[in-house]
Amino acid sequence: MNKKAAKDKGKPASGAAKTPAQKTIALNKRAKHEYHLEQKIEAGISLQGWELKAIRAGRANIGESYAIVKDGELYLFGAQITPLISASTHVVAEAHRTRKLLLHRREIDELIGRVQRDGYTLVPTALYWKANKVKTELALARGKQTHDKREASKERDWNREKQRLLRRHNKDA
């Protein structure tokens, strides 16, 4: 093996495409339990400088948030980004500020139609980094009834028990 081949040994081939790292910031785990999630959409968020620093420090929570329609635009309401102690003194940091969601006009019009006509709710399910930008994953959702939640819980328990039985059976074989 020559020197050049030894030098490039640990590197991927030039034809291999590198995917940008997507790092999850916050998840809304309750959304799957509370809603039937149908269609998922990626949207950008308009943030201020102190909010980005707080997000990098892991101070974001979207558990109680949802998206609202106001004047033909979509806004993220109820998301909490707790400011750092060292935030700028000339900026008034508001943790529960309503933040604008960034989407194409065509996507906004489609979502507004689905929300107003069909009775869907826009629920953020995840907040993550994508190429140095903070993105949110919105889901068109319908609320679950109590019996639906119980049915989903039974199904989850049965799948867990089924996996245990299969593992136990395969171990004995």
C-alpha atoms as a PDB file:
ATOM      1  CA  MET A   1       0.000   0.000   0.000  1.00  0.00           C
ATOM      2  CA  ASN A   2       1.474   3.370  -0.973  1.00  0.00           C
ATOM      3  CA  LYS A   3       1.668   6.479   1.251  1.00  0.00           C
ATOM      4  CA  LYS A   4      -1.317   8.233  -0.361  1.00  0.00           C
ATOM      5  CA  ALA A   5      -3.581   5.210   0.114  1.00  0.00           C
ATOM      6  CA  ALA A   6      -2.486   4.908   3.752  1.00  0.00           C
ATOM      7  CA  LYS A   7      -3.140   8.614   4.306  1.00  0.00           C
ATOM      8  CA  ASP A   8      -6.688   8.472   2.850  1.00  0.00           C
ATOM      9  CA  LYS A   9      -7.575   5.151   4.487  1.00  0.00           C
ATOM     10  CA  GLY A  10      -9.860   6.586   7.199  1.00  0.00           C
ATOM     11  CA  LYS A  11     -11.624   9.080   4.922  1.00  0.00           C
ATOM     12  CA  PRO A  12     -14.844   8.330   2.990  1.00  0.00           C
ATOM     13  CA  ALA A  13     -14.681   8.036  -0.787  1.00  0.00           C
ATOM     14  CA  SER A  14     -15.106  11.288  -2.673  1.00  0.00           C
ATOM     15  CA  GLY A  15     -18.360  10.025  -4.230  1.00  0.00           C
ATOM     16  CA  ALA A  16     -19.944   9.334  -0.821  1.00  0.00           C
ATOM     17  CA  ALA A  17     -22.412  12.047   0.173  1.00  0.00           C
ATOM     18  CA  LYS A  18     -22.144  13.300   3.715  1.00  0.00           C
ATOM     19  CA  THR A  19     -25.456  13.944   5.409  1.00  0.00           C
ATOM     20  CA  PRO A  20     -25.602  16.973   7.687  1.00  0.00           C
ATOM     21  CA  ALA A  21     -25.866  16.044  11.335  1.00  0.00           C
ATOM     22  CA  GLN A  22     -29.363  16.528  12.742  1.00  0.00           C
ATOM     23  CA  LYS A  23     -29.264  16.938  16.485  1.00  0.00           C
ATOM     24  CA  THR A  24     -32.498  16.884  18.434  1.00  0.00           C
ATOM     25  CA  ILE A  25     -33.008  19.801  20.797  1.00  0.00           C
ATOM     26  CA  ALA A  26     -36.425  18.999  22.277  1.00  0.00           C
ATOM     27  CA  LEU A  27     -39.149  16.401  21.726  1.00  0.00           C
ATOM     28  CA  ASN A  28     -42.864  16.569  22.417  1.00  0.00           C
ATOM     29  CA  LYS A  29     -43.408  13.001  23.622  1.00  0.00           C
ATOM     30  CA  ARG A  30     -46.930  13.734  24.838  1.00  0.00           C
ATOM     31  CA  ALA A  31     -48.102  14.607  21.318  1.00  0.00           C
ATOM     32  CA  LYS A  32     -48.276  10.931  20.242  1.00  0.00           C
ATOM     33  CA  HIS A  33     -50.326  10.118  23.318  1.00  0.00           C
ATOM     34  CA  GLU A  34     -52.721  13.068  23.046  1.00  0.00           C
ATOM     35  CA  TYR A  35     -53.210  13.260  19.249  1.00  0.00           C
ATOM     36  CA  HIS A  36     -53.525  11.206  16.076  1.00  0.00           C
ATOM     37  CA  LEU A  37     -50.572  12.586  14.070  1.00  0.00           C
ATOM     38  CA  GLU A  38     -51.175  12.552  10.327  1.00  0.00           C
ATOM     39  CA  GLN A  39     -48.895  14.730   8.181  1.00  0.00           C
ATOM     40  CA  LYS A  40     -45.510  16.111   9.258  1.00  0.00           C
ATOM     41  CA  ILE A  41     -44.001  19.367   7.986  1.00  0.00           C
ATOM     42  CA  GLU A  42     -40.600  20.943   8.603  1.00  0.00           C
ATOM     43  CA  ALA A  43     -40.615  24.664   9.413  1.00  0.00           C
ATOM     44  CA  GLY A  44     -37.990  27.209  10.366  1.00  0.00           C
ATOM     45  CA  ILE A  45     -38.365  29.464  13.415  1.00  0.00           C
ATOM     46  CA  SER A  46     -37.598  33.146  13.681  1.00  0.00           C
ATOM     47  CA  LEU A  47     -35.404  33.467  16.781  1.00  0.00           C
ATOM     48  CA  GLN A  48     -33.464  36.192  18.552  1.00  0.00           C
ATOM     49  CA  GLY A  49     -29.783  35.904  19.504  1.00  0.00           C
ATOM     50  CA  TRP A  50     -30.335  35.160  23.178  1.00  0.00           C
ATOM     51  CA  GLU A  51     -32.750  32.370  22.216  1.00  0.00           C
ATOM     52  CA  LEU A  52     -30.121  30.616  20.113  1.00  0.00           C
ATOM     53  CA  LYS A  53     -27.637  30.751  22.969  1.00  0.00           C
ATOM     54  CA  ALA A  54     -30.256  29.354  25.340  1.00  0.00           C
ATOM     55  CA  ILE A  55     -31.122  26.568  22.884  1.00  0.00           C
ATOM     56  CA  ARG A  56     -27.437  25.626  22.594  1.00  0.00           C
ATOM     57  CA  ALA A  57     -27.400  25.389  26.395  1.00  0.00           C
ATOM     58  CA  GLY A  58     -30.398  22.996  26.226  1.00  0.00           C
ATOM     59  CA  ARG A  59     -33.066  25.291  27.661  1.00  0.00           C
ATOM     60  CA  ALA A  60     -35.926  24.672  25.206  1.00  0.00           C
ATOM     61  CA  ASN A  61     -39.251  22.985  25.946  1.00  0.00           C
ATOM     62  CA  ILE A  62     -42.098  22.427  23.468  1.00  0.00           C
ATOM     63  CA  GLY A  63     -44.289  20.159  25.610  1.00  0.00           C
ATOM     64  CA  GLU A  64     -47.175  22.635  25.943  1.00  0.00           C
ATOM     65  CA  SER A  65     -46.813  24.407  22.591  1.00  0.00           C
ATOM     66  CA  TYR A  66     -48.904  24.521  19.432  1.00  0.00           C
ATOM     67  CA  ALA A  67     -49.045  26.553  16.227  1.00  0.00           C
ATOM     68  CA  ILE A  68     -51.688  29.220  15.654  1.00  0.00           C
ATOM     69  CA  VAL A  69     -52.847  31.074  12.537  1.00  0.00           C
ATOM     70  CA  LYS A  70     -52.792  34.863  12.748  1.00  0.00           C
ATOM     71  CA  ASP A  71     -53.086  37.276   9.799  1.00  0.00           C
ATOM     72  CA  GLY A  72     -52.252  34.607   7.228  1.00  0.00           C
ATOM     73  CA  GLU A  73     -49.065  33.563   9.061  1.00  0.00           C
ATOM     74  CA  LEU A  74     -48.203  30.691  11.403  1.00  0.00           C
ATOM     75  CA  TYR A  75     -46.825  31.311  14.888  1.00  0.00           C
ATOM     76  CA  LEU A  76     -45.441  28.953  17.512  1.00  0.00           C
ATOM     77  CA  PHE A  77     -47.317  29.611  20.726  1.00  0.00           C
ATOM     78  CA  GLY A  78     -46.407  28.311  24.180  1.00  0.00           C
ATOM     79  CA  ALA A  79     -42.863  27.136  23.461  1.00  0.00           C
ATOM     80  CA  GLN A  80     -40.571  27.896  26.367  1.00  0.00           C
ATOM     81  CA  ILE A  81     -36.979  28.967  25.843  1.00  0.00           C
ATOM     82  CA  THR A  82     -35.588  29.892  29.241  1.00  0.00           C
ATOM     83  CA  PRO A  83     -33.060  32.747  28.956  1.00  0.00           C
ATOM     84  CA  LEU A  84     -29.539  32.340  30.276  1.00  0.00           C
ATOM     85  CA  ILE A  85     -28.476  34.378  33.279  1.00  0.00           C
ATOM     86  CA  SER A  86     -25.826  36.018  31.128  1.00  0.00           C
ATOM     87  CA  ALA A  87     -28.351  37.299  28.533  1.00  0.00           C
ATOM     88  CA  SER A  88     -27.819  40.831  27.250  1.00  0.00           C
ATOM     89  CA  THR A  89     -28.943  43.638  29.520  1.00  0.00           C
ATOM     90  CA  HIS A  90     -30.395  45.706  26.666  1.00  0.00           C
ATOM     91  CA  VAL A  91     -32.746  42.896  25.536  1.00  0.00           C
ATOM     92  CA  VAL A  92     -35.891  41.988  27.445  1.00  0.00           C
ATOM     93  CA  ALA A  93     -35.873  38.184  27.374  1.00  0.00           C
ATOM     94  CA  GLU A  94     -39.362  36.676  27.385  1.00  0.00           C
ATOM     95  CA  ALA A  95     -39.388  32.891  27.797  1.00  0.00           C
ATOM     96  CA  HIS A  96     -42.896  32.272  26.361  1.00  0.00           C
ATOM     97  CA  ARG A  97     -42.672  34.691  23.431  1.00  0.00           C
ATOM     98  CA  THR A  98     -44.770  33.865  20.360  1.00  0.00           C
ATOM     99  CA  ARG A  99     -42.337  33.002  17.543  1.00  0.00           C
ATOM    100  CA  LYS A 100     -43.010  33.202  13.816  1.00  0.00           C
ATOM    101  CA  LEU A 101     -42.763  29.978  11.807  1.00  0.00           C
ATOM    102  CA  LEU A 102     -41.038  30.199   8.440  1.00  0.00           C
ATOM    103  CA  LEU A 103     -42.696  28.315   5.588  1.00  0.00           C
ATOM    104  CA  HIS A 104     -43.382  28.850   1.904  1.00  0.00           C
ATOM    105  CA  ARG A 105     -46.653  30.662   1.104  1.00  0.00           C
ATOM    106  CA  ARG A 106     -48.047  27.568  -0.633  1.00  0.00           C
ATOM    107  CA  GLU A 107     -47.408  25.432   2.473  1.00  0.00           C
ATOM    108  CA  ILE A 108     -48.902  28.075   4.766  1.00  0.00           C
ATOM    109  CA  ASP A 109     -52.065  28.306   2.640  1.00  0.00           C
ATOM    110  CA  GLU A 110     -52.459  24.518   2.622  1.00  0.00           C
ATOM    111  CA  LEU A 111     -52.000  24.263   6.406  1.00  0.00           C
ATOM    112  CA  ILE A 112     -54.384  27.155   7.095  1.00  0.00           C
ATOM    113  CA  GLY A 113     -57.007  25.448   4.927  1.00  0.00           C
ATOM    114  CA  ARG A 114     -56.597  22.115   6.711  1.00  0.00           C
ATOM    115  CA  VAL A 115     -56.755  23.754  10.142  1.00  0.00           C
ATOM    116  CA  GLN A 116     -59.784  25.963   9.440  1.00  0.00           C
ATOM    117  CA  ARG A 117     -61.816  23.625   7.197  1.00  0.00           C
ATOM    118  CA  ASP A 118     -60.980  20.172   8.490  1.00  0.00           C
ATOM    119  CA  GLY A 119     -60.517  20.976  12.182  1.00  0.00           C
ATOM    120  CA  TYR A 120     -56.884  19.907  12.571  1.00  0.00           C
ATOM    121  CA  THR A 121     -54.438  21.238  15.151  1.00  0.00           C
ATOM    122  CA  LEU A 122     -50.807  22.038  14.394  1.00  0.00           C
ATOM    123  CA  VAL A 123     -48.610  20.469  17.064  1.00  0.00           C
ATOM    124  CA  PRO A 124     -44.798  20.704  17.162  1.00  0.00           C
ATOM    125  CA  THR A 125     -43.351  17.238  17.708  1.00  0.00           C
ATOM    126  CA  ALA A 126     -39.618  18.007  17.594  1.00  0.00           C
ATOM    127  CA  LEU A 127     -37.132  20.871  17.661  1.00  0.00           C
ATOM    128  CA  TYR A 128     -33.770  20.129  16.038  1.00  0.00           C
ATOM    129  CA  TRP A 129     -30.661  21.566  14.359  1.00  0.00           C
ATOM    130  CA  LYS A 130     -30.348  21.302  10.591  1.00  0.00           C
ATOM    131  CA  ALA A 131     -27.310  22.919   8.973  1.00  0.00           C
ATOM    132  CA  ASN A 132     -26.833  25.608  11.666  1.00  0.00           C
ATOM    133  CA  LYS A 133     -30.531  26.455  11.689  1.00  0.00           C
ATOM    134  CA  VAL A 134     -33.179  25.552  14.238  1.00  0.00           C
ATOM    135  CA  LYS A 135     -36.095  23.707  12.657  1.00  0.00           C
ATOM    136  CA  THR A 136     -39.328  22.409  14.092  1.00  0.00           C
ATOM    137  CA  GLU A 137     -41.319  19.425  12.954  1.00  0.00           C
ATOM    138  CA  LEU A 138     -45.021  20.292  12.877  1.00  0.00           C
ATOM    139  CA  ALA A 139     -47.705  17.633  12.667  1.00  0.00           C
ATOM    140  CA  LEU A 140     -51.303  17.990  11.556  1.00  0.00           C
ATOM    141  CA  ALA A 141     -53.131  16.323  14.404  1.00  0.00           C
ATOM    142  CA  ARG A 142     -56.586  15.372  15.628  1.00  0.00           C
ATOM    143  CA  GLY A 143     -57.270  14.961  19.335  1.00  0.00           C
ATOM    144  CA  LYS A 144     -57.682  11.465  20.734  1.00  0.00           C
ATOM    145  CA  GLN A 145     -60.657  10.414  22.821  1.00  0.00           C
ATOM    146  CA  THR A 146     -60.072   8.668  26.151  1.00  0.00           C
ATOM    147  CA  HIS A 147     -60.950   5.241  24.746  1.00  0.00           C
ATOM    148  CA  ASP A 148     -58.423   5.776  21.927  1.00  0.00           C
ATOM    149  CA  LYS A 149     -55.692   6.452  24.477  1.00  0.00           C
ATOM    150  CA  ARG A 150     -56.563   3.294  26.390  1.00  0.00           C
ATOM    151  CA  GLU A 151     -56.584   1.262  23.189  1.00  0.00           C
ATOM    152  CA  ALA A 152     -53.159   2.615  22.195  1.00  0.00           C
ATOM    153  CA  SER A 153     -51.818   1.804  25.662  1.00  0.00           C
ATOM    154  CA  LYS A 154     -53.130  -1.785  25.454  1.00  0.00           C
ATOM    155  CA  GLU A 155     -51.606  -2.184  21.991  1.00  0.00           C
ATOM    156  CA  ARG A 156     -48.237  -0.898  23.238  1.00  0.00           C
ATOM    157  CA  ASP A 157     -48.315  -3.260  26.251  1.00  0.00           C
ATOM    158  CA  TRP A 158     -49.237  -6.227  24.054  1.00  0.00           C
ATOM    159  CA  ASN A 159     -46.382  -5.501  21.619  1.00  0.00           C
ATOM    160  CA  ARG A 160     -43.952  -5.292  24.529  1.00  0.00           C
ATOM    161  CA  GLU A 161     -45.202  -8.594  25.966  1.00  0.00           C
ATOM    162  CA  LYS A 162     -45.049 -10.211  22.513  1.00  0.00           C
ATOM    163  CA  GLN A 163     -41.381  -9.184  22.163  1.00  0.00           C
ATOM    164  CA  ARG A 164     -40.586 -10.653  25.595  1.00  0.00           C
ATOM    165  CA  LEU A 165     -42.243 -13.952  24.662  1.00  0.00           C
ATOM    166  CA  LEU A 166     -40.388 -14.133  21.346  1.00  0.00           C
ATOM    167  CA  ARG A 167     -37.042 -13.433  23.034  1.00  0.00           C
ATOM    168  CA  ARG A 168     -37.718 -16.037  25.721  1.00  0.00           C
ATOM    169  CA  HIS A 169     -38.770 -18.601  23.102  1.00  0.00           C
ATOM    170  CA  ASN A 170     -35.752 -17.950  20.860  1.00  0.00           C
ATOM    171  CA  LYS A 171     -33.349 -18.180  23.808  1.00  0.00           C
ATOM    172  CA  ASP A 172     -34.612 -21.671  24.658  1.00  0.00           C
ATOM    173  CA  ALA A 173     -34.359 -22.938  21.057  1.00  0.00           C
END
